[in-house]
Amino acid sequence: MGKTYTPKHRIEFKLNDGMTMGVAFKGRVTERTVASFVANMNHSFKPGNCNGHLSNKILLYVNSAKVIEQKSGNIVASYVAPMFQVI
């Protein structure tokens, strides 16, 4: 059997349709890495990509994201999408 562990950080996304998603976040936590992670997530919502099946009625994109430390629950980094963005 495999080994289980609790990741040090998780990232929570709020999407434009009001849905919230959370995934484990690995790597160094900086504003730049969070913005890069969000850009990759936005790309995955396009039709034909790995999360394209979620965008069947409207094109989903990330409005905001926050990286949370698992043990303490503190927010260590955050991201807010610009008011106007081209996806």
C-alpha atoms as a PDB file:
ATOM      1  CA  MET A   1       0.000   0.000   0.000  1.00  0.00           C
ATOM      2  CA  GLY A   2       1.009   3.593  -0.486  1.00  0.00           C
ATOM      3  CA  LYS A   3       1.994   6.089   2.142  1.00  0.00           C
ATOM      4  CA  THR A   4      -0.481   8.824   3.030  1.00  0.00           C
ATOM      5  CA  TYR A   5       0.447  12.274   4.262  1.00  0.00           C
ATOM      6  CA  THR A   6      -1.170  15.617   4.892  1.00  0.00           C
ATOM      7  CA  PRO A   7       0.116  18.332   2.557  1.00  0.00           C
ATOM      8  CA  LYS A   8       1.576  21.422   4.209  1.00  0.00           C
ATOM      9  CA  HIS A   9      -0.609  23.828   2.193  1.00  0.00           C
ATOM     10  CA  ARG A  10      -3.843  23.746   0.234  1.00  0.00           C
ATOM     11  CA  ILE A  11      -5.146  26.217  -2.314  1.00  0.00           C
ATOM     12  CA  GLU A  12      -8.816  27.154  -2.526  1.00  0.00           C
ATOM     13  CA  PHE A  13     -10.270  28.674  -5.697  1.00  0.00           C
ATOM     14  CA  LYS A  14     -13.478  30.640  -6.041  1.00  0.00           C
ATOM     15  CA  LEU A  15     -14.803  30.367  -9.588  1.00  0.00           C
ATOM     16  CA  ASN A  16     -16.948  32.820 -11.538  1.00  0.00           C
ATOM     17  CA  ASP A  17     -20.049  30.648 -11.114  1.00  0.00           C
ATOM     18  CA  GLY A  18     -19.742  30.655  -7.300  1.00  0.00           C
ATOM     19  CA  MET A  19     -18.282  27.149  -7.009  1.00  0.00           C
ATOM     20  CA  THR A  20     -15.302  26.653  -4.670  1.00  0.00           C
ATOM     21  CA  MET A  21     -12.554  24.106  -5.311  1.00  0.00           C
ATOM     22  CA  GLY A  22      -9.675  23.080  -3.088  1.00  0.00           C
ATOM     23  CA  VAL A  23      -6.539  21.121  -3.958  1.00  0.00           C
ATOM     24  CA  ALA A  24      -3.196  20.379  -2.328  1.00  0.00           C
ATOM     25  CA  PHE A  25      -0.491  22.951  -3.067  1.00  0.00           C
ATOM     26  CA  LYS A  26       3.073  21.729  -3.413  1.00  0.00           C
ATOM     27  CA  GLY A  27       6.040  23.980  -3.867  1.00  0.00           C
ATOM     28  CA  ARG A  28       7.215  27.339  -2.671  1.00  0.00           C
ATOM     29  CA  VAL A  29       4.409  29.695  -1.671  1.00  0.00           C
ATOM     30  CA  THR A  30       4.838  33.124  -3.260  1.00  0.00           C
ATOM     31  CA  GLU A  31       2.443  35.491  -4.994  1.00  0.00           C
ATOM     32  CA  ARG A  32       4.116  34.615  -8.300  1.00  0.00           C
ATOM     33  CA  THR A  33       3.681  30.845  -7.919  1.00  0.00           C
ATOM     34  CA  VAL A  34       0.039  31.291  -6.908  1.00  0.00           C
ATOM     35  CA  ALA A  35      -0.591  33.483  -9.979  1.00  0.00           C
ATOM     36  CA  SER A  36       1.085  30.844 -12.169  1.00  0.00           C
ATOM     37  CA  PHE A  37      -1.022  28.085 -10.588  1.00  0.00           C
ATOM     38  CA  VAL A  38      -4.194  30.117 -11.244  1.00  0.00           C
ATOM     39  CA  ALA A  39      -3.164  30.732 -14.884  1.00  0.00           C
ATOM     40  CA  ASN A  40      -2.667  26.992 -15.380  1.00  0.00           C
ATOM     41  CA  MET A  41      -6.030  26.288 -13.751  1.00  0.00           C
ATOM     42  CA  ASN A  42      -7.761  28.821 -16.019  1.00  0.00           C
ATOM     43  CA  HIS A  43      -6.149  27.153 -19.040  1.00  0.00           C
ATOM     44  CA  SER A  44      -7.409  23.734 -17.904  1.00  0.00           C
ATOM     45  CA  PHE A  45     -11.042  24.959 -18.011  1.00  0.00           C
ATOM     46  CA  LYS A  46     -10.896  25.627 -21.770  1.00  0.00           C
ATOM     47  CA  PRO A  47     -12.786  23.145 -23.972  1.00  0.00           C
ATOM     48  CA  GLY A  48     -10.715  20.078 -24.802  1.00  0.00           C
ATOM     49  CA  ASN A  49      -8.448  20.371 -21.755  1.00  0.00           C
ATOM     50  CA  CYS A  50      -8.529  18.251 -18.586  1.00  0.00           C
ATOM     51  CA  ASN A  51     -11.219  20.318 -16.786  1.00  0.00           C
ATOM     52  CA  GLY A  52     -13.067  21.319 -19.957  1.00  0.00           C
ATOM     53  CA  HIS A  53     -15.974  19.043 -19.049  1.00  0.00           C
ATOM     54  CA  LEU A  54     -16.775  21.358 -16.107  1.00  0.00           C
ATOM     55  CA  SER A  55     -17.249  24.319 -18.469  1.00  0.00           C
ATOM     56  CA  ASN A  56     -20.167  22.884 -20.432  1.00  0.00           C
ATOM     57  CA  LYS A  57     -22.507  25.918 -20.141  1.00  0.00           C
ATOM     58  CA  ILE A  58     -20.190  28.854 -19.391  1.00  0.00           C
ATOM     59  CA  LEU A  59     -16.426  29.206 -19.564  1.00  0.00           C
ATOM     60  CA  LEU A  60     -15.165  28.938 -15.999  1.00  0.00           C
ATOM     61  CA  TYR A  61     -12.273  30.954 -14.631  1.00  0.00           C
ATOM     62  CA  VAL A  62     -10.803  31.655 -11.216  1.00  0.00           C
ATOM     63  CA  ASN A  63     -11.984  34.876  -9.514  1.00  0.00           C
ATOM     64  CA  SER A  64      -9.827  34.510  -6.413  1.00  0.00           C
ATOM     65  CA  ALA A  65      -7.550  32.030  -4.703  1.00  0.00           C
ATOM     66  CA  LYS A  66      -5.933  31.663  -1.311  1.00  0.00           C
ATOM     67  CA  VAL A  67      -3.203  29.361  -0.035  1.00  0.00           C
ATOM     68  CA  ILE A  68      -3.941  28.078   3.452  1.00  0.00           C
ATOM     69  CA  GLU A  69      -1.509  26.448   5.842  1.00  0.00           C
ATOM     70  CA  GLN A  70      -3.091  23.164   6.911  1.00  0.00           C
ATOM     71  CA  LYS A  71      -1.983  23.076  10.563  1.00  0.00           C
ATOM     72  CA  SER A  72      -2.868  26.610  11.611  1.00  0.00           C
ATOM     73  CA  GLY A  73      -5.505  27.597   9.047  1.00  0.00           C
ATOM     74  CA  ASN A  74      -3.674  30.859   8.296  1.00  0.00           C
ATOM     75  CA  ILE A  75      -3.783  32.338   4.811  1.00  0.00           C
ATOM     76  CA  VAL A  76      -0.188  32.607   3.590  1.00  0.00           C
ATOM     77  CA  ALA A  77      -0.794  33.925   0.039  1.00  0.00           C
ATOM     78  CA  SER A  78      -3.744  35.122  -1.996  1.00  0.00           C
ATOM     79  CA  TYR A  79      -4.721  36.060  -5.542  1.00  0.00           C
ATOM     80  CA  VAL A  80      -7.534  38.234  -6.867  1.00  0.00           C
ATOM     81  CA  ALA A  81      -8.267  38.321 -10.596  1.00  0.00           C
ATOM     82  CA  PRO A  82      -8.199  41.679 -12.342  1.00  0.00           C
ATOM     83  CA  MET A  83     -11.562  43.279 -13.046  1.00  0.00           C
ATOM     84  CA  PHE A  84     -11.188  42.706 -16.793  1.00  0.00           C
ATOM     85  CA  GLN A  85      -9.248  39.735 -18.069  1.00  0.00           C
ATOM     86  CA  VAL A  86      -8.935  37.951 -21.383  1.00  0.00           C
ATOM     87  CA  ILE A  87      -9.198  34.194 -21.036  1.00  0.00           C
END
